[in-house]
Protein backbone atom coordinates (compact mmCIF):
# COMPACT_ATOMS: atom_id res chain seq x y z
CA MET A 1 64.55 24.71 35.13
CA GLY A 2 65.05 28.48 34.64
CA ILE A 3 62.29 30.98 33.93
CA ASN A 4 62.47 32.47 30.45
CA PHE A 5 61.24 36.06 30.84
CA PRO A 6 60.06 37.90 27.70
CA ILE A 7 62.28 40.75 26.52
CA GLY A 8 59.91 43.48 27.70
CA LEU A 9 59.67 42.04 31.21
CA LYS A 10 63.44 41.59 31.38
CA ALA A 11 63.88 45.24 30.50
CA ILE A 12 61.37 46.35 33.14
CA LEU A 13 63.08 44.24 35.79
CA PHE A 14 66.48 45.64 34.94
CA ILE A 15 65.43 49.26 34.46
CA PHE A 16 63.05 49.69 37.38
CA PHE A 17 63.56 46.95 39.96
CA ILE A 18 67.03 45.45 39.77
CA PRO A 19 69.67 48.15 39.12
CA LEU A 20 72.87 46.37 38.19
CA ILE A 21 75.95 46.65 40.35
CA ILE A 22 78.76 46.16 37.91
CA LYS A 23 82.15 45.88 39.61
CA GLU A 24 83.80 46.14 36.22
CA PHE A 25 82.82 49.83 36.12
CA LYS A 26 85.70 50.41 38.51
CA SER A 27 88.22 48.64 36.34
CA THR A 28 91.13 50.71 35.11
CA GLU A 29 90.40 50.18 31.43
CA LYS A 30 86.77 51.22 31.77
CA LYS A 31 87.85 54.35 33.62
CA LEU A 32 90.21 55.14 30.75
CA LEU A 33 87.47 54.50 28.19
CA ILE A 34 85.09 56.84 30.02
CA LYS A 35 87.78 59.51 30.23
CA ALA A 36 88.52 59.16 26.50
CA PHE A 37 84.80 59.36 25.70
CA ARG A 38 84.24 62.48 27.81
CA LYS A 39 87.23 64.19 26.25
CA SER A 40 85.83 63.45 22.80
CA VAL A 41 82.37 64.82 23.66
CA TYR A 42 83.96 67.96 25.09
CA GLU A 43 86.10 68.55 22.00
CA MET A 44 83.19 67.95 19.62
CA SER A 45 80.98 70.33 21.59
CA LYS A 46 83.60 73.04 21.15
CA ILE A 47 83.47 72.59 17.37
CA ASN A 48 79.70 73.05 17.25
CA GLY A 49 77.66 74.30 20.21
CA GLN A 50 74.53 72.55 18.89
CA PHE A 51 76.05 69.21 19.79
CA LYS A 52 75.47 70.07 23.46
CA ASN A 53 71.76 69.46 22.88
CA TYR A 54 72.19 65.75 22.16
CA THR A 55 72.30 62.85 24.59
CA TYR A 56 75.49 60.79 24.42
CA LEU A 57 75.96 57.42 26.01
CA LEU A 58 78.83 54.97 26.24
CA THR A 59 78.39 51.26 26.86
CA ASP A 60 80.95 48.60 27.63
CA GLU A 61 81.55 45.60 25.37
CA ASN A 62 78.45 43.92 26.83
CA GLY A 63 76.11 46.81 26.02
CA VAL A 64 75.80 48.05 29.61
CA ILE A 65 75.74 51.84 29.91
CA ILE A 66 78.86 53.03 31.75
CA ASP A 67 78.62 56.76 31.03
CA LEU A 68 75.89 59.18 30.00
CA ILE A 69 76.00 62.86 29.04
CA ALA A 70 72.64 64.59 28.62
CA PRO A 71 71.67 68.27 28.17
CA LYS A 72 69.20 67.96 31.06
CA LYS A 73 69.10 65.61 34.02
CA SER A 74 65.54 64.68 33.12
CA SER A 75 66.42 63.73 29.52
CA PHE A 76 65.38 60.15 28.79
CA SER A 77 65.07 59.13 32.45
CA TYR A 78 64.89 55.46 31.40
CA LEU A 79 68.49 55.67 30.21
CA ASN A 80 70.86 55.40 33.16
CA ILE A 81 74.24 54.09 34.22
CA SER A 82 74.15 50.26 34.48
CA ILE A 83 71.16 49.79 32.15
CA PRO A 84 71.81 46.88 29.72
CA LEU A 85 71.02 47.52 26.05
CA LYS A 86 71.81 44.08 24.62
CA GLU A 87 69.02 42.65 22.49
CA GLU A 88 68.13 39.98 25.05
CA PHE A 89 67.27 42.71 27.57
CA ALA A 90 66.16 45.71 25.51
CA GLY A 91 65.17 44.23 22.16
CA ILE A 92 66.11 45.97 18.91
CA ASN A 93 67.93 49.27 19.43
CA ALA A 94 70.95 50.98 17.88
CA VAL A 95 73.38 49.70 20.52
CA SER A 96 72.18 46.09 20.30
CA ILE A 97 72.58 46.13 16.50
CA ALA A 98 76.05 47.72 16.73
CA LEU A 99 77.07 44.99 19.19
CA ASN A 100 75.74 42.18 17.01
CA GLU A 101 76.93 43.48 13.64
CA ARG A 102 80.15 45.20 14.80
CA GLU A 103 79.24 48.21 12.65
CA ALA A 104 77.27 51.46 12.83
CA ALA A 105 73.51 51.24 13.33
CA PHE A 106 70.73 53.82 12.96
CA VAL A 107 67.33 53.16 14.53
CA LYS A 108 64.34 55.49 14.19
CA LYS A 109 61.76 56.06 16.91
CA ASN A 110 59.14 53.46 15.96
CA GLU A 111 61.75 50.86 15.03
CA HIS A 112 62.67 50.32 18.69
CA TYR A 113 61.29 47.22 20.35
CA LEU A 114 60.63 48.86 23.72
CA LYS A 115 58.07 51.67 23.90
CA TYR A 116 60.40 53.60 26.26
CA PHE A 117 62.77 54.20 23.35
CA ARG A 118 60.13 55.10 20.75
CA GLU A 119 60.43 58.83 21.35
CA ILE A 120 64.08 59.01 20.26
CA ASP A 121 66.17 58.45 17.15
CA CYS A 122 69.53 56.80 17.82
CA ILE A 123 72.77 56.12 16.00
CA ALA A 124 75.40 53.86 17.55
CA VAL A 125 78.96 53.05 16.50
CA PRO A 126 81.19 50.32 18.02
CA VAL A 127 84.49 51.28 19.67
CA PHE A 128 87.58 49.10 19.17
CA ASP A 129 91.02 49.02 20.79
CA ASN A 130 94.30 48.88 18.87
CA LYS A 131 94.01 45.06 18.69
CA GLY A 132 90.64 45.30 16.95
CA GLN A 133 88.74 44.04 20.00
CA LEU A 134 85.33 45.54 20.74
CA ILE A 135 85.52 47.59 23.95
CA GLY A 136 82.28 49.55 23.82
CA VAL A 137 79.65 51.42 21.84
CA ILE A 138 78.98 55.16 21.51
CA ASP A 139 75.38 56.21 20.93
CA ILE A 140 73.86 59.61 20.12
CA SER A 141 70.14 60.05 20.77
CA ARG A 142 67.69 62.87 20.11
CA MET A 143 63.93 63.38 20.13
CA ASN A 144 63.84 65.73 17.12
CA GLY A 145 65.67 63.53 14.66
CA LEU A 146 69.31 63.15 13.69
CA THR A 147 70.88 65.06 10.79
CA ASP A 148 73.64 63.96 8.41
CA GLU A 149 75.93 66.13 10.51
CA CYS A 150 75.15 63.92 13.52
CA VAL A 151 76.14 60.83 11.59
CA PHE A 152 79.49 62.37 10.69
CA MET A 153 79.95 63.54 14.27
CA VAL A 154 79.39 60.14 15.90
CA PHE A 155 81.91 58.50 13.55
CA LEU A 156 84.45 61.23 14.28
CA MET A 157 83.75 61.03 18.01
CA THR A 158 84.23 57.26 17.99
CA LYS A 159 87.58 57.50 16.22
CA TYR A 160 88.67 60.25 18.58
CA THR A 161 87.62 58.13 21.57
CA GLU A 162 89.64 55.17 20.25
CA TYR A 163 92.66 57.44 19.76
CA ASN A 164 92.33 59.00 23.23
CA PHE A 165 91.89 55.57 24.82
CA ILE A 166 95.15 54.30 23.33
CA LEU A 167 97.02 57.45 24.41
CA LEU A 168 95.66 57.28 27.96
CA LYS A 169 96.57 53.61 28.19
CA LYS A 170 100.14 54.37 27.11
CA GLU A 171 100.42 57.13 29.70
CA MET A 172 99.08 54.84 32.42
CA ILE A 173 101.64 52.13 31.62
CA LYS A 174 104.51 54.63 31.52
CA GLU A 175 103.50 55.89 34.95
CA LYS A 176 103.52 52.34 36.34
CA LEU A 177 107.04 51.57 35.12
CA GLU A 178 109.92 52.65 37.36
CA GLU A 179 112.99 54.34 35.87
CA VAL A 180 115.09 51.20 36.39
CA GLU A 181 112.45 49.15 34.57
CA LEU A 182 112.54 51.48 31.57
CA LYS A 183 116.34 51.02 31.50
CA ILE A 184 115.99 47.23 31.70
CA LEU A 185 113.37 47.33 28.97
CA LYS A 186 115.62 49.33 26.66
CA LEU A 187 118.66 47.12 27.29
CA THR A 188 116.58 43.97 26.78
CA ALA A 189 115.42 45.35 23.43
CA GLU A 190 119.09 45.85 22.52
CA GLY A 191 119.67 42.13 23.05
CA LYS A 192 121.50 42.30 26.38
CA THR A 193 121.31 39.29 28.73
CA ASP A 194 120.21 39.53 32.35
CA GLU A 195 123.84 39.17 33.43
CA GLU A 196 124.95 42.01 31.15
CA ILE A 197 122.09 44.24 32.27
CA ALA A 198 122.89 43.56 35.95
CA LYS A 199 126.48 44.75 35.46
CA MET A 200 125.45 47.81 33.43
CA ILE A 201 122.92 49.11 35.97
CA ASN A 202 124.77 47.86 39.05
CA ARG A 203 122.05 45.49 40.23
CA SER A 204 121.96 41.79 41.09
CA ILE A 205 120.76 39.32 38.47
CA SER A 206 117.84 38.35 40.72
CA ASN A 207 116.84 42.02 40.95
CA VAL A 208 116.91 42.35 37.16
CA LYS A 209 114.74 39.24 36.85
CA TYR A 210 112.32 40.64 39.44
CA HIS A 211 111.90 43.91 37.52
CA LYS A 212 111.65 42.08 34.21
CA ASN A 213 108.78 39.97 35.57
CA LYS A 214 107.14 43.15 36.80
CA ILE A 215 107.47 44.65 33.30
CA PHE A 216 105.83 41.53 31.82
CA GLU A 217 102.96 41.88 34.28
CA ILE A 218 102.41 45.59 33.55
CA LEU A 219 102.52 45.06 29.78
CA ASN A 220 100.42 41.90 30.10
CA VAL A 221 102.86 39.73 28.13
CA LYS A 222 104.48 36.35 28.77
CA ASN A 223 107.78 36.47 26.91
CA VAL A 224 110.58 38.82 25.83
CA LYS A 225 109.53 38.86 22.17
CA ASP A 226 106.00 40.04 22.95
CA CYS A 227 107.35 42.44 25.56
CA ILE A 228 109.66 44.18 23.08
CA TYR A 229 106.97 44.26 20.39
CA LYS A 230 104.41 45.84 22.71
CA ALA A 231 106.91 48.26 24.22
CA ALA A 232 107.95 49.42 20.74
CA LYS A 233 104.33 49.99 19.71
CA MET A 234 103.82 52.09 22.84
CA ASP A 235 107.01 54.13 22.27
CA LEU A 236 108.55 52.88 25.51
CA ILE A 237 111.84 51.99 23.84
């Protein structure tokens, strides 16, 4: 029979005694999401220098912090990479609400469940991919309150992160595909058979099939119809 720790104790265990080692942090998609997030923060900071004074964090789809940008290293020392912010670990907070409701959430200092968070105001907005799947949450935190301008900024930053993520993913896939595979992809979209493609590019039928299977794997599809649809959406054909 498992031990049911109270939320506060769970949070203490995770924050102070059992730092999480999340292998998923090294996954390609999470690296792309972090890159898209950092690009968005950088661009927003150029628009208004005041935005450099806020603390920005990015979580994955499970509410675990995977990136953090703070004006000072000492800012909110209890917020760190690998800290889980789901309600079961951290109680009520902006990220946990955004995860549960799939929409923006604003939580004031004293509304936080854990006392560690009661010195900051937070607003969090969920991040979705082009399929509408939740891939993370962006949160802006500050000790001196959040203005209406901050609310607008976090929405804009989230949309920009989603846009950058899709672009980076497209670029990554294009880099993985060989020139011959792009040719096969284009000819397949034109309705050519494997035999016709083999003659046109001077390859064996088995070689065409090999590259076609490789294309399916890279695009994460199982059939020609889905392959062509996804390739068209990504401007590969």
